[in-house]
Amino acid sequence: MPPQVSNLGDKEAEPGKPDLLVAPDLPPVFPGFEPRSGFWALIRANKAVAFGVVVFVFMSLAALFAPLIVSADPFAISPLSRLKPISYEHPFGTDMLGRDLFARVFHGARVSLTVGLAVAFFSAVIGLAVGLISGYVRWLDGFIMRTMDGLMSIPGILLAIALMALSGGSIQNVILAITVVEIPRVARLIRGVVLSLREQTYVEAAIAAGSSSFTVIVRHILPNTLAPLTVQATYVCAAAMLLESILSFIGAGIPPSVPSWGNIMADGRSLWQLKPSMIFIPATALSITILAINLIGDGLRDNLDPRMARRF
């Protein structure tokens, strides 16, 4: 007697036993964002992501332990040591006020990374809340999105300059200004994900079962927004670091006395022909850090969204 095969699965029933219903493999709830492997497996498999992680960890440790790594004071002015070349005592030379560039570049990493990570966190939290409300509460969607569109219609650098002109130069105000610039982009992303999730069967079933809106959002929608939100946060971090450097370079950001990569490049602007390293060194540090963060974001996107995966 041939083995009996279930109509709902691929498993064979044992001879002499009744045909059992075997449930088929169901697709994931939100297949667009299903992790393919762990983060460490991603690092081992993707050299670009591994490079990004190594560079980002190095920069983070350098920024965190800058006072221990560098003995020189980044604020100390020494007129007798103006524009010293690269030497053992001053690995990157000195600026026009005799300040050690090596110390200022390492301490500048603290400012840039602090601004980038803080903006990524606050814009992700606020943008997530705005996107969830806009995507789920239909009658608020039009008002919220038109407000976000209005903010996005203004070039980010101009909006940040205007906010800095109103609030004054400080690290806190720079974080606030750049966060306002980045919130609409995060909110629109989350809104699009929520609108897609609302059409899923399990969400409609939860609503039909009488679950409250809060329960549906927290238990069924919010977990599926964390993957795209994490990827977007990496890009926001890189964009915030770049925007902070632009604001400091044009004198609209952090006070000039505070060592940041943008301020160091601004100091070397008038000495471009005499000492180009004052621009090249902080610009290289900024470029490599932003590249590393973007590589991490690309790797997370490929891992969390197999449809966007690329081969290196």
C-alpha atoms as a PDB file:
ATOM      1  CA  MET A   1       0.000   0.000   0.000  1.00  0.00           C
ATOM      2  CA  PRO A   2       1.592   3.322  -0.991  1.00  0.00           C
ATOM      3  CA  PRO A   3       2.220   5.851   1.787  1.00  0.00           C
ATOM      4  CA  GLN A   4      -0.480   8.388   2.369  1.00  0.00           C
ATOM      5  CA  VAL A   5       0.442  11.994   1.692  1.00  0.00           C
ATOM      6  CA  SER A   6      -1.213  14.903   3.458  1.00  0.00           C
ATOM      7  CA  ASN A   7      -2.884  17.543   1.354  1.00  0.00           C
ATOM      8  CA  LEU A   8      -1.340  20.326   3.435  1.00  0.00           C
ATOM      9  CA  GLY A   9       2.272  19.277   3.785  1.00  0.00           C
ATOM     10  CA  ASP A  10       5.126  17.385   2.256  1.00  0.00           C
ATOM     11  CA  LYS A  11       5.574  14.792   5.013  1.00  0.00           C
ATOM     12  CA  GLU A  12       4.498  11.196   4.432  1.00  0.00           C
ATOM     13  CA  ALA A  13       2.092   9.466   6.757  1.00  0.00           C
ATOM     14  CA  GLU A  14       3.189   6.205   8.257  1.00  0.00           C
ATOM     15  CA  PRO A  15       1.530   3.034   6.863  1.00  0.00           C
ATOM     16  CA  GLY A  16      -1.414   1.820   8.888  1.00  0.00           C
ATOM     17  CA  LYS A  17      -1.995   5.186  10.538  1.00  0.00           C
ATOM     18  CA  PRO A  18      -4.598   7.751   9.602  1.00  0.00           C
ATOM     19  CA  ASP A  19      -3.624  10.666   7.450  1.00  0.00           C
ATOM     20  CA  LEU A  20      -2.495  13.520   9.713  1.00  0.00           C
ATOM     21  CA  LEU A  21      -2.758  17.136   8.780  1.00  0.00           C
ATOM     22  CA  VAL A  22       0.712  18.623   8.607  1.00  0.00           C
ATOM     23  CA  ALA A  23       0.804  22.415   8.625  1.00  0.00           C
ATOM     24  CA  PRO A  24       2.827  23.883   5.769  1.00  0.00           C
ATOM     25  CA  ASP A  25       5.704  26.259   6.317  1.00  0.00           C
ATOM     26  CA  LEU A  26       4.225  29.715   6.669  1.00  0.00           C
ATOM     27  CA  PRO A  27       5.973  32.831   5.384  1.00  0.00           C
ATOM     28  CA  PRO A  28       7.298  35.291   7.952  1.00  0.00           C
ATOM     29  CA  VAL A  29       4.944  37.932   9.214  1.00  0.00           C
ATOM     30  CA  PHE A  30       6.922  40.715   7.570  1.00  0.00           C
ATOM     31  CA  PRO A  31       9.233  38.956   5.110  1.00  0.00           C
ATOM     32  CA  GLY A  32      11.010  42.112   4.039  1.00  0.00           C
ATOM     33  CA  PHE A  33      12.847  42.388   7.325  1.00  0.00           C
ATOM     34  CA  GLU A  34      13.726  38.880   8.447  1.00  0.00           C
ATOM     35  CA  PRO A  35      17.319  38.521   9.683  1.00  0.00           C
ATOM     36  CA  ARG A  36      19.308  36.036   7.647  1.00  0.00           C
ATOM     37  CA  SER A  37      22.109  35.559  10.157  1.00  0.00           C
ATOM     38  CA  GLY A  38      23.583  36.944  13.322  1.00  0.00           C
ATOM     39  CA  PHE A  39      25.623  40.131  13.448  1.00  0.00           C
ATOM     40  CA  TRP A  40      28.889  38.310  14.114  1.00  0.00           C
ATOM     41  CA  ALA A  41      28.228  35.975  11.204  1.00  0.00           C
ATOM     42  CA  LEU A  42      27.648  39.061   9.078  1.00  0.00           C
ATOM     43  CA  ILE A  43      31.006  40.501  10.140  1.00  0.00           C
ATOM     44  CA  ARG A  44      32.812  37.270   9.287  1.00  0.00           C
ATOM     45  CA  ALA A  45      31.107  37.001   5.910  1.00  0.00           C
ATOM     46  CA  ASN A  46      31.306  40.640   4.834  1.00  0.00           C
ATOM     47  CA  LYS A  47      34.735  42.260   4.787  1.00  0.00           C
ATOM     48  CA  ALA A  48      33.306  45.730   4.209  1.00  0.00           C
ATOM     49  CA  VAL A  49      31.175  45.482   7.349  1.00  0.00           C
ATOM     50  CA  ALA A  50      34.132  44.107   9.289  1.00  0.00           C
ATOM     51  CA  PHE A  51      36.212  47.102   8.189  1.00  0.00           C
ATOM     52  CA  GLY A  52      33.419  49.472   9.231  1.00  0.00           C
ATOM     53  CA  VAL A  53      33.066  47.862  12.648  1.00  0.00           C
ATOM     54  CA  VAL A  54      36.832  47.935  13.289  1.00  0.00           C
ATOM     55  CA  VAL A  55      37.120  51.604  12.305  1.00  0.00           C
ATOM     56  CA  PHE A  56      34.053  52.641  14.296  1.00  0.00           C
ATOM     57  CA  VAL A  57      35.201  50.772  17.406  1.00  0.00           C
ATOM     58  CA  PHE A  58      38.668  52.301  17.086  1.00  0.00           C
ATOM     59  CA  MET A  59      37.271  55.822  16.742  1.00  0.00           C
ATOM     60  CA  SER A  60      34.884  55.271  19.645  1.00  0.00           C
ATOM     61  CA  LEU A  61      37.663  54.021  21.913  1.00  0.00           C
ATOM     62  CA  ALA A  62      39.936  56.859  20.811  1.00  0.00           C
ATOM     63  CA  ALA A  63      37.222  59.379  21.617  1.00  0.00           C
ATOM     64  CA  LEU A  64      36.336  57.744  24.923  1.00  0.00           C
ATOM     65  CA  PHE A  65      39.912  57.458  26.170  1.00  0.00           C
ATOM     66  CA  ALA A  66      41.311  60.578  24.488  1.00  0.00           C
ATOM     67  CA  PRO A  67      42.448  62.163  27.790  1.00  0.00           C
ATOM     68  CA  LEU A  68      44.414  58.974  28.591  1.00  0.00           C
ATOM     69  CA  ILE A  69      45.849  58.460  25.105  1.00  0.00           C
ATOM     70  CA  VAL A  70      46.940  62.056  24.529  1.00  0.00           C
ATOM     71  CA  SER A  71      48.858  63.845  27.246  1.00  0.00           C
ATOM     72  CA  ALA A  72      48.838  67.267  25.577  1.00  0.00           C
ATOM     73  CA  ASP A  73      46.106  69.762  26.419  1.00  0.00           C
ATOM     74  CA  PRO A  74      44.004  70.500  23.309  1.00  0.00           C
ATOM     75  CA  PHE A  75      43.200  73.990  24.678  1.00  0.00           C
ATOM     76  CA  ALA A  76      46.745  75.002  25.687  1.00  0.00           C
ATOM     77  CA  ILE A  77      48.030  77.982  23.678  1.00  0.00           C
ATOM     78  CA  SER A  78      51.776  78.297  23.044  1.00  0.00           C
ATOM     79  CA  PRO A  79      52.741  81.274  20.834  1.00  0.00           C
ATOM     80  CA  LEU A  80      56.326  80.042  20.654  1.00  0.00           C
ATOM     81  CA  SER A  81      55.173  76.751  19.090  1.00  0.00           C
ATOM     82  CA  ARG A  82      53.042  78.194  16.280  1.00  0.00           C
ATOM     83  CA  LEU A  83      52.726  76.099  13.097  1.00  0.00           C
ATOM     84  CA  LYS A  84      55.277  73.500  14.147  1.00  0.00           C
ATOM     85  CA  PRO A  85      55.770  70.686  11.591  1.00  0.00           C
ATOM     86  CA  ILE A  86      55.101  67.026  12.302  1.00  0.00           C
ATOM     87  CA  SER A  87      57.525  65.733  14.915  1.00  0.00           C
ATOM     88  CA  TYR A  88      57.789  63.210  17.740  1.00  0.00           C
ATOM     89  CA  GLU A  89      56.576  65.815  20.226  1.00  0.00           C
ATOM     90  CA  HIS A  90      53.722  66.915  17.947  1.00  0.00           C
ATOM     91  CA  PRO A  91      52.695  63.967  15.684  1.00  0.00           C
ATOM     92  CA  PHE A  92      50.323  66.183  13.662  1.00  0.00           C
ATOM     93  CA  GLY A  93      52.123  69.490  14.233  1.00  0.00           C
ATOM     94  CA  THR A  94      50.552  72.580  15.789  1.00  0.00           C
ATOM     95  CA  ASP A  95      48.106  75.237  14.637  1.00  0.00           C
ATOM     96  CA  MET A  96      48.443  79.015  14.454  1.00  0.00           C
ATOM     97  CA  LEU A  97      48.014  79.325  18.233  1.00  0.00           C
ATOM     98  CA  GLY A  98      50.512  76.619  19.075  1.00  0.00           C
ATOM     99  CA  ARG A  99      47.859  74.062  20.063  1.00  0.00           C
ATOM    100  CA  ASP A 100      48.726  70.410  19.516  1.00  0.00           C
ATOM    101  CA  LEU A 101      46.774  69.104  16.516  1.00  0.00           C
ATOM    102  CA  PHE A 102      47.116  65.478  17.569  1.00  0.00           C
ATOM    103  CA  ALA A 103      45.310  66.222  20.829  1.00  0.00           C
ATOM    104  CA  ARG A 104      42.690  68.361  19.098  1.00  0.00           C
ATOM    105  CA  VAL A 105      41.907  65.697  16.480  1.00  0.00           C
ATOM    106  CA  PHE A 106      41.465  62.987  19.125  1.00  0.00           C
ATOM    107  CA  HIS A 107      39.288  65.228  21.289  1.00  0.00           C
ATOM    108  CA  GLY A 108      37.414  66.318  18.176  1.00  0.00           C
ATOM    109  CA  ALA A 109      36.351  62.707  17.709  1.00  0.00           C
ATOM    110  CA  ARG A 110      34.483  62.967  21.017  1.00  0.00           C
ATOM    111  CA  VAL A 111      32.448  65.923  19.790  1.00  0.00           C
ATOM    112  CA  SER A 112      31.626  64.463  16.377  1.00  0.00           C
ATOM    113  CA  LEU A 113      30.676  61.018  17.676  1.00  0.00           C
ATOM    114  CA  THR A 114      28.661  62.508  20.538  1.00  0.00           C
ATOM    115  CA  VAL A 115      26.662  64.645  18.127  1.00  0.00           C
ATOM    116  CA  GLY A 116      26.187  61.778  15.653  1.00  0.00           C
ATOM    117  CA  LEU A 117      25.074  59.200  18.209  1.00  0.00           C
ATOM    118  CA  ALA A 118      22.856  61.645  20.118  1.00  0.00           C
ATOM    119  CA  VAL A 119      21.113  62.834  16.952  1.00  0.00           C
ATOM    120  CA  ALA A 120      20.634  59.240  15.777  1.00  0.00           C
ATOM    121  CA  PHE A 121      19.066  58.279  19.114  1.00  0.00           C
ATOM    122  CA  PHE A 122      16.734  61.259  19.534  1.00  0.00           C
ATOM    123  CA  SER A 123      15.639  61.377  15.900  1.00  0.00           C
ATOM    124  CA  ALA A 124      14.992  57.623  15.939  1.00  0.00           C
ATOM    125  CA  VAL A 125      12.875  57.794  19.113  1.00  0.00           C
ATOM    126  CA  ILE A 126      10.881  60.866  18.088  1.00  0.00           C
ATOM    127  CA  GLY A 127      10.610  59.823  14.442  1.00  0.00           C
ATOM    128  CA  LEU A 128       9.407  56.372  15.518  1.00  0.00           C
ATOM    129  CA  ALA A 129       6.654  57.865  17.666  1.00  0.00           C
ATOM    130  CA  VAL A 130       5.583  60.309  14.952  1.00  0.00           C
ATOM    131  CA  GLY A 131       5.635  57.620  12.261  1.00  0.00           C
ATOM    132  CA  LEU A 132       3.613  55.159  14.350  1.00  0.00           C
ATOM    133  CA  ILE A 133       0.925  57.724  15.120  1.00  0.00           C
ATOM    134  CA  SER A 134       0.794  59.033  11.565  1.00  0.00           C
ATOM    135  CA  GLY A 135       0.637  55.598   9.983  1.00  0.00           C
ATOM    136  CA  TYR A 136      -1.920  54.109  12.345  1.00  0.00           C
ATOM    137  CA  VAL A 137      -4.197  57.028  13.234  1.00  0.00           C
ATOM    138  CA  ARG A 138      -5.674  57.914   9.859  1.00  0.00           C
ATOM    139  CA  TRP A 139      -7.255  61.247  10.808  1.00  0.00           C
ATOM    140  CA  LEU A 140      -3.910  62.597  12.058  1.00  0.00           C
ATOM    141  CA  ASP A 141      -1.925  61.368   9.070  1.00  0.00           C
ATOM    142  CA  GLY A 142      -2.599  64.332   6.795  1.00  0.00           C
ATOM    143  CA  PHE A 143      -1.699  66.999   9.360  1.00  0.00           C
ATOM    144  CA  ILE A 144       1.454  65.247  10.565  1.00  0.00           C
ATOM    145  CA  MET A 145       2.773  64.426   7.108  1.00  0.00           C
ATOM    146  CA  ARG A 146       2.149  67.924   5.772  1.00  0.00           C
ATOM    147  CA  THR A 147       4.166  69.247   8.714  1.00  0.00           C
ATOM    148  CA  MET A 148       6.971  66.793   7.951  1.00  0.00           C
ATOM    149  CA  ASP A 149       6.833  67.727   4.257  1.00  0.00           C
ATOM    150  CA  GLY A 150       7.129  71.390   5.194  1.00  0.00           C
ATOM    151  CA  LEU A 151      10.277  70.709   7.212  1.00  0.00           C
ATOM    152  CA  MET A 152      11.746  68.542   4.462  1.00  0.00           C
ATOM    153  CA  SER A 153      11.092  71.228   1.846  1.00  0.00           C
ATOM    154  CA  ILE A 154      13.721  73.406   3.542  1.00  0.00           C
ATOM    155  CA  PRO A 155      17.313  72.338   2.774  1.00  0.00           C
ATOM    156  CA  GLY A 156      18.734  70.667   5.846  1.00  0.00           C
ATOM    157  CA  ILE A 157      21.778  72.917   6.136  1.00  0.00           C
ATOM    158  CA  LEU A 158      19.668  76.085   5.884  1.00  0.00           C
ATOM    159  CA  LEU A 159      17.207  74.843   8.500  1.00  0.00           C
ATOM    160  CA  ALA A 160      20.064  73.927  10.831  1.00  0.00           C
ATOM    161  CA  ILE A 161      21.710  77.341  10.360  1.00  0.00           C
ATOM    162  CA  ALA A 162      18.406  79.098  11.096  1.00  0.00           C
ATOM    163  CA  LEU A 163      17.868  77.060  14.264  1.00  0.00           C
ATOM    164  CA  MET A 164      21.449  77.701  15.399  1.00  0.00           C
ATOM    165  CA  ALA A 165      21.003  81.441  14.797  1.00  0.00           C
ATOM    166  CA  LEU A 166      17.976  81.383  17.081  1.00  0.00           C
ATOM    167  CA  SER A 167      19.435  79.207  19.825  1.00  0.00           C
ATOM    168  CA  GLY A 168      23.148  80.075  19.900  1.00  0.00           C
ATOM    169  CA  GLY A 169      26.276  77.974  19.554  1.00  0.00           C
ATOM    170  CA  SER A 170      26.666  74.955  21.857  1.00  0.00           C
ATOM    171  CA  ILE A 171      26.846  71.190  21.541  1.00  0.00           C
ATOM    172  CA  GLN A 172      23.315  70.824  22.940  1.00  0.00           C
ATOM    173  CA  ASN A 173      21.881  73.289  20.436  1.00  0.00           C
ATOM    174  CA  VAL A 174      23.717  71.617  17.550  1.00  0.00           C
ATOM    175  CA  ILE A 175      22.198  68.263  18.562  1.00  0.00           C
ATOM    176  CA  LEU A 176      18.753  69.865  18.799  1.00  0.00           C
ATOM    177  CA  ALA A 177      19.029  71.602  15.423  1.00  0.00           C
ATOM    178  CA  ILE A 178      20.239  68.524  13.545  1.00  0.00           C
ATOM    179  CA  THR A 179      17.627  66.342  15.257  1.00  0.00           C
ATOM    180  CA  VAL A 180      14.866  68.600  13.949  1.00  0.00           C
ATOM    181  CA  VAL A 181      16.346  68.230  10.456  1.00  0.00           C
ATOM    182  CA  GLU A 182      16.468  64.414  10.620  1.00  0.00           C
ATOM    183  CA  ILE A 183      13.130  63.648  12.333  1.00  0.00           C
ATOM    184  CA  PRO A 184      10.971  64.013   9.158  1.00  0.00           C
ATOM    185  CA  ARG A 185      13.075  61.470   7.241  1.00  0.00           C
ATOM    186  CA  VAL A 186      12.760  58.888   9.997  1.00  0.00           C
ATOM    187  CA  ALA A 187       9.049  59.609  10.467  1.00  0.00           C
ATOM    188  CA  ARG A 188       8.268  59.107   6.773  1.00  0.00           C
ATOM    189  CA  LEU A 189      10.137  55.805   6.726  1.00  0.00           C
ATOM    190  CA  ILE A 190       8.282  54.455   9.770  1.00  0.00           C
ATOM    191  CA  ARG A 191       4.948  55.703   8.431  1.00  0.00           C
ATOM    192  CA  GLY A 192       5.487  53.754   5.217  1.00  0.00           C
ATOM    193  CA  VAL A 193       6.300  50.591   7.163  1.00  0.00           C
ATOM    194  CA  VAL A 194       3.228  51.028   9.385  1.00  0.00           C
ATOM    195  CA  LEU A 195       0.937  51.549   6.389  1.00  0.00           C
ATOM    196  CA  SER A 196       2.241  48.264   4.956  1.00  0.00           C
ATOM    197  CA  LEU A 197       1.834  46.428   8.254  1.00  0.00           C
ATOM    198  CA  ARG A 198      -1.759  47.610   8.681  1.00  0.00           C
ATOM    199  CA  GLU A 199      -2.720  45.502   5.666  1.00  0.00           C
ATOM    200  CA  GLN A 200      -1.262  42.313   7.138  1.00  0.00           C
ATOM    201  CA  THR A 201      -3.741  39.617   8.123  1.00  0.00           C
ATOM    202  CA  TYR A 202      -2.495  39.252  11.686  1.00  0.00           C
ATOM    203  CA  VAL A 203      -2.996  42.972  12.350  1.00  0.00           C
ATOM    204  CA  GLU A 204      -6.517  42.868  10.954  1.00  0.00           C
ATOM    205  CA  ALA A 205      -7.208  39.782  13.076  1.00  0.00           C
ATOM    206  CA  ALA A 206      -5.978  41.537  16.206  1.00  0.00           C
ATOM    207  CA  ILE A 207      -8.221  44.527  15.468  1.00  0.00           C
ATOM    208  CA  ALA A 208     -11.203  42.245  14.791  1.00  0.00           C
ATOM    209  CA  ALA A 209     -10.551  40.420  18.080  1.00  0.00           C
ATOM    210  CA  GLY A 210     -11.067  43.686  19.938  1.00  0.00           C
ATOM    211  CA  SER A 211      -7.457  44.556  20.794  1.00  0.00           C
ATOM    212  CA  SER A 212      -6.912  48.190  21.651  1.00  0.00           C
ATOM    213  CA  SER A 213      -4.938  50.435  19.340  1.00  0.00           C
ATOM    214  CA  PHE A 214      -2.139  50.636  21.900  1.00  0.00           C
ATOM    215  CA  THR A 215      -1.895  46.836  22.079  1.00  0.00           C
ATOM    216  CA  VAL A 216      -1.885  46.463  18.302  1.00  0.00           C
ATOM    217  CA  ILE A 217       0.844  49.062  17.917  1.00  0.00           C
ATOM    218  CA  VAL A 218       3.075  47.779  20.724  1.00  0.00           C
ATOM    219  CA  ARG A 219       2.683  44.023  20.177  1.00  0.00           C
ATOM    220  CA  HIS A 220       2.192  43.671  16.434  1.00  0.00           C
ATOM    221  CA  ILE A 221       3.503  46.774  14.636  1.00  0.00           C
ATOM    222  CA  LEU A 222       6.346  48.208  16.727  1.00  0.00           C
ATOM    223  CA  PRO A 223       8.583  45.077  16.683  1.00  0.00           C
ATOM    224  CA  ASN A 224       8.492  44.998  12.875  1.00  0.00           C
ATOM    225  CA  THR A 225       9.629  48.635  12.606  1.00  0.00           C
ATOM    226  CA  LEU A 226      12.814  48.199  14.644  1.00  0.00           C
ATOM    227  CA  ALA A 227      14.843  46.619  11.832  1.00  0.00           C
ATOM    228  CA  PRO A 228      14.395  49.428   9.263  1.00  0.00           C
ATOM    229  CA  LEU A 229      14.686  51.967  12.085  1.00  0.00           C
ATOM    230  CA  THR A 230      18.082  50.569  13.120  1.00  0.00           C
ATOM    231  CA  VAL A 231      19.383  50.773   9.567  1.00  0.00           C
ATOM    232  CA  GLN A 232      18.095  54.315   9.149  1.00  0.00           C
ATOM    233  CA  ALA A 233      19.687  55.341  12.465  1.00  0.00           C
ATOM    234  CA  THR A 234      23.154  54.478  11.130  1.00  0.00           C
ATOM    235  CA  TYR A 235      22.648  56.756   8.131  1.00  0.00           C
ATOM    236  CA  VAL A 236      21.298  59.512  10.372  1.00  0.00           C
ATOM    237  CA  CYS A 237      24.398  59.221  12.568  1.00  0.00           C
ATOM    238  CA  ALA A 238      26.711  59.655   9.574  1.00  0.00           C
ATOM    239  CA  ALA A 239      24.659  62.551   8.175  1.00  0.00           C
ATOM    240  CA  ALA A 240      24.614  64.282  11.579  1.00  0.00           C
ATOM    241  CA  MET A 241      28.403  64.098  11.881  1.00  0.00           C
ATOM    242  CA  LEU A 242      28.801  65.604   8.429  1.00  0.00           C
ATOM    243  CA  LEU A 243      26.253  68.347   9.099  1.00  0.00           C
ATOM    244  CA  GLU A 244      27.881  69.218  12.426  1.00  0.00           C
ATOM    245  CA  SER A 245      31.240  69.608  10.690  1.00  0.00           C
ATOM    246  CA  ILE A 246      29.681  71.874   8.054  1.00  0.00           C
ATOM    247  CA  LEU A 247      28.051  74.055  10.710  1.00  0.00           C
ATOM    248  CA  SER A 248      31.316  74.338  12.647  1.00  0.00           C
ATOM    249  CA  PHE A 249      33.300  75.020   9.480  1.00  0.00           C
ATOM    250  CA  ILE A 250      31.129  78.008   8.542  1.00  0.00           C
ATOM    251  CA  GLY A 251      31.059  79.285  12.132  1.00  0.00           C
ATOM    252  CA  ALA A 252      27.398  78.454  12.844  1.00  0.00           C
ATOM    253  CA  GLY A 253      27.926  75.418  15.041  1.00  0.00           C
ATOM    254  CA  ILE A 254      30.020  74.592  18.068  1.00  0.00           C
ATOM    255  CA  PRO A 255      32.082  77.497  19.498  1.00  0.00           C
ATOM    256  CA  PRO A 256      35.503  77.790  17.804  1.00  0.00           C
ATOM    257  CA  SER A 257      37.363  77.141  21.056  1.00  0.00           C
ATOM    258  CA  VAL A 258      35.899  73.626  21.326  1.00  0.00           C
ATOM    259  CA  PRO A 259      38.017  71.065  19.419  1.00  0.00           C
ATOM    260  CA  SER A 260      35.898  69.451  16.732  1.00  0.00           C
ATOM    261  CA  TRP A 261      36.821  68.253  13.275  1.00  0.00           C
ATOM    262  CA  GLY A 262      34.823  71.047  11.675  1.00  0.00           C
ATOM    263  CA  ASN A 263      36.483  73.717  13.827  1.00  0.00           C
ATOM    264  CA  ILE A 264      39.965  72.346  13.109  1.00  0.00           C
ATOM    265  CA  MET A 265      39.301  72.513   9.372  1.00  0.00           C
ATOM    266  CA  ALA A 266      37.925  76.036   9.793  1.00  0.00           C
ATOM    267  CA  ASP A 267      41.130  77.080  11.574  1.00  0.00           C
ATOM    268  CA  GLY A 268      43.222  75.728   8.722  1.00  0.00           C
ATOM    269  CA  ARG A 269      41.166  77.434   6.028  1.00  0.00           C
ATOM    270  CA  SER A 270      43.299  80.574   6.041  1.00  0.00           C
ATOM    271  CA  LEU A 271      46.505  78.504   6.163  1.00  0.00           C
ATOM    272  CA  TRP A 272      45.641  76.190   3.283  1.00  0.00           C
ATOM    273  CA  GLN A 273      48.815  76.826   1.298  1.00  0.00           C
ATOM    274  CA  LEU A 274      51.102  77.055   4.338  1.00  0.00           C
ATOM    275  CA  LYS A 275      49.830  74.044   6.326  1.00  0.00           C
ATOM    276  CA  PRO A 276      47.334  71.887   4.367  1.00  0.00           C
ATOM    277  CA  SER A 277      47.538  69.110   6.970  1.00  0.00           C
ATOM    278  CA  MET A 278      45.270  71.173   9.243  1.00  0.00           C
ATOM    279  CA  ILE A 279      42.461  70.403   6.786  1.00  0.00           C
ATOM    280  CA  PHE A 280      43.549  67.026   5.422  1.00  0.00           C
ATOM    281  CA  ILE A 281      43.974  65.264   8.778  1.00  0.00           C
ATOM    282  CA  PRO A 282      40.557  66.066  10.354  1.00  0.00           C
ATOM    283  CA  ALA A 283      38.850  65.689   6.958  1.00  0.00           C
ATOM    284  CA  THR A 284      40.379  62.226   6.564  1.00  0.00           C
ATOM    285  CA  ALA A 285      39.282  61.220  10.067  1.00  0.00           C
ATOM    286  CA  LEU A 286      35.747  62.464   9.367  1.00  0.00           C
ATOM    287  CA  SER A 287      35.563  60.737   5.969  1.00  0.00           C
ATOM    288  CA  ILE A 288      36.790  57.382   7.267  1.00  0.00           C
ATOM    289  CA  THR A 289      34.393  57.456  10.213  1.00  0.00           C
ATOM    290  CA  ILE A 290      31.395  58.316   8.039  1.00  0.00           C
ATOM    291  CA  LEU A 291      32.410  55.613   5.556  1.00  0.00           C
ATOM    292  CA  ALA A 292      32.644  53.062   8.369  1.00  0.00           C
ATOM    293  CA  ILE A 293      29.181  53.935   9.696  1.00  0.00           C
ATOM    294  CA  ASN A 294      27.674  53.741   6.207  1.00  0.00           C
ATOM    295  CA  LEU A 295      29.292  50.335   5.628  1.00  0.00           C
ATOM    296  CA  ILE A 296      27.765  49.090   8.868  1.00  0.00           C
ATOM    297  CA  GLY A 297      24.386  50.430   7.798  1.00  0.00           C
ATOM    298  CA  ASP A 298      24.648  48.745   4.393  1.00  0.00           C
ATOM    299  CA  GLY A 299      25.558  45.458   6.033  1.00  0.00           C
ATOM    300  CA  LEU A 300      22.654  45.649   8.459  1.00  0.00           C
ATOM    301  CA  ARG A 301      20.306  46.449   5.597  1.00  0.00           C
ATOM    302  CA  ASP A 302      21.515  43.460   3.586  1.00  0.00           C
ATOM    303  CA  ASN A 303      21.206  41.195   6.615  1.00  0.00           C
ATOM    304  CA  LEU A 304      17.772  42.390   7.720  1.00  0.00           C
ATOM    305  CA  ASP A 305      16.298  42.735   4.240  1.00  0.00           C
ATOM    306  CA  PRO A 306      17.371  39.853   1.980  1.00  0.00           C
ATOM    307  CA  ARG A 307      15.655  41.489  -1.020  1.00  0.00           C
ATOM    308  CA  MET A 308      18.247  44.290  -0.889  1.00  0.00           C
ATOM    309  CA  ALA A 309      21.248  41.983  -0.403  1.00  0.00           C
ATOM    310  CA  ARG A 310      24.331  42.641  -2.495  1.00  0.00           C
ATOM    311  CA  ARG A 311      27.430  40.560  -3.091  1.00  0.00           C
ATOM    312  CA  PHE A 312      30.810  42.074  -2.385  1.00  0.00           C
END
